[in-house]
């Protein structure tokens, strides 16, 4: 099992759960490029406490992704992350000023 992918799934699922107020639902899909268009906008009335809580969650996600990556490497697990999922996590992290490129690499669009 690819642990990085599993951790990614857990935090992507949060966009439909506790993080849902910060992200529009459902996700819009553009059928032409077959790639989801994900409009991320924090709600305008977000409080500092809500922002700080989201940032703590994202920092926790980054630490878990680091541990998952090390586990996968130590156990010779394949790289099975889905790029669309990793883009979602990068976008969420970017909202609160956290860079994930040192953990899951840069976006393929930037590479």
Protein backbone atom coordinates (compact mmCIF):
# COMPACT_ATOMS: atom_id res chain seq x y z
CA UNK A 1 0.00 0.00 0.00
CA UNK A 2 1.19 3.48 -0.75
CA UNK A 3 0.92 5.35 2.54
CA UNK A 4 1.44 8.78 0.94
CA UNK A 5 -1.64 8.16 -1.19
CA UNK A 6 -3.65 7.06 1.85
CA UNK A 7 -2.69 10.21 3.79
CA UNK A 8 -3.59 12.25 0.72
CA UNK A 9 -7.00 10.57 0.59
CA UNK A 10 -7.63 11.36 4.25
CA UNK A 11 -6.96 15.06 3.85
CA UNK A 12 -8.71 15.31 0.48
CA UNK A 13 -11.76 13.83 2.21
CA UNK A 14 -11.64 16.69 4.71
CA UNK A 15 -12.68 19.06 1.92
CA UNK A 16 -16.03 17.29 2.04
CA UNK A 17 -16.07 17.26 5.85
CA UNK A 18 -14.56 19.70 8.35
CA UNK A 19 -12.92 21.83 5.65
CA UNK A 20 -16.08 22.01 3.53
CA UNK A 21 -17.02 25.57 4.61
CA UNK A 22 -13.81 26.83 2.99
CA UNK A 23 -14.29 25.15 -0.38
CA UNK A 24 -17.17 25.26 -2.87
CA UNK A 25 -18.99 21.99 -3.42
CA UNK A 26 -19.33 20.02 -5.60
CA UNK A 27 -16.08 20.22 -7.56
CA UNK A 28 -16.55 21.52 -11.08
CA UNK A 29 -15.13 19.33 -13.81
CA UNK A 30 -14.12 20.65 -17.22
CA UNK A 31 -14.74 17.75 -19.62
CA UNK A 32 -12.40 19.09 -22.31
CA UNK A 33 -9.05 18.62 -20.55
CA UNK A 34 -10.52 15.92 -18.24
CA UNK A 35 -8.98 17.71 -15.29
CA UNK A 36 -10.93 19.13 -12.34
CA UNK A 37 -11.19 22.88 -12.03
CA UNK A 38 -10.99 23.53 -8.32
CA UNK A 39 -11.85 27.11 -7.34
CA UNK A 40 -10.34 27.61 -3.91
CA UNK A 41 -11.49 30.65 -2.03
CA UNK A 42 -11.53 31.02 1.70
CA UNK A 43 -14.90 32.34 2.76
CA UNK A 44 -14.65 36.11 3.24
CA UNK A 45 -15.87 36.06 6.84
CA UNK A 46 -13.31 33.56 8.10
CA UNK A 47 -12.02 34.39 11.55
CA UNK A 48 -8.38 34.38 12.59
CA UNK A 49 -9.10 31.37 14.82
CA UNK A 50 -10.62 29.44 11.88
CA UNK A 51 -7.66 30.33 9.66
CA UNK A 52 -5.18 29.29 12.35
CA UNK A 53 -7.04 26.00 12.88
CA UNK A 54 -6.95 25.25 9.15
CA UNK A 55 -3.24 26.12 9.05
CA UNK A 56 -2.56 23.75 11.97
CA UNK A 57 -4.44 20.98 10.13
CA UNK A 58 -2.41 21.61 6.98
CA UNK A 59 0.85 21.59 8.97
CA UNK A 60 -0.24 18.27 10.50
CA UNK A 61 -0.98 16.99 6.99
CA UNK A 62 2.53 17.97 5.87
CA UNK A 63 4.14 16.18 8.82
CA UNK A 64 2.06 13.05 8.16
CA UNK A 65 2.98 13.16 4.47
CA UNK A 66 6.67 13.34 5.44
CA UNK A 67 6.30 10.27 7.68
CA UNK A 68 4.29 8.44 5.03
CA UNK A 69 6.90 9.20 2.38
CA UNK A 70 9.67 7.87 4.64
CA UNK A 71 7.62 4.73 5.39
CA UNK A 72 7.00 4.14 1.68
CA UNK A 73 10.69 4.60 0.88
CA UNK A 74 11.84 2.37 3.78
CA UNK A 75 9.43 -0.39 2.71
CA UNK A 76 10.05 -0.05 -1.03
CA UNK A 77 6.45 0.92 -1.72
CA UNK A 78 5.71 2.25 -5.21
CA UNK A 79 4.98 5.90 -5.92
CA UNK A 80 1.23 5.62 -6.39
CA UNK A 81 0.08 9.15 -5.66
CA UNK A 82 -2.57 10.49 -8.01
CA UNK A 83 -1.41 13.85 -9.35
CA UNK A 84 -4.90 15.40 -9.17
CA UNK A 85 -5.05 14.53 -5.48
CA UNK A 86 -1.60 15.99 -4.88
CA UNK A 87 -2.67 19.18 -6.72
CA UNK A 88 -5.65 19.44 -4.36
CA UNK A 89 -3.37 19.15 -1.33
CA UNK A 90 -0.92 21.70 -2.78
CA UNK A 91 -3.78 24.15 -3.38
CA UNK A 92 -5.13 23.75 0.16
CA UNK A 93 -1.65 24.24 1.64
CA UNK A 94 -1.03 27.30 -0.52
CA UNK A 95 -4.17 28.94 0.90
CA UNK A 96 -2.54 29.07 4.33
CA UNK A 97 1.00 29.76 3.15
CA UNK A 98 2.46 26.27 3.43
CA UNK A 99 4.61 24.80 0.64
CA UNK A 100 4.44 21.05 0.08
CA UNK A 101 7.01 20.85 -2.74
CA UNK A 102 9.66 19.51 -0.37
CA UNK A 103 7.36 16.59 0.52
CA UNK A 104 5.34 15.69 -2.59
CA UNK A 105 7.41 17.53 -5.17
CA UNK A 106 6.43 20.46 -7.34
CA UNK A 107 3.36 20.47 -9.49
CA UNK A 108 3.83 18.71 -12.82
CA UNK A 109 2.72 21.95 -14.41
CA UNK A 110 5.76 23.64 -12.85
CA UNK A 111 8.18 20.77 -13.39
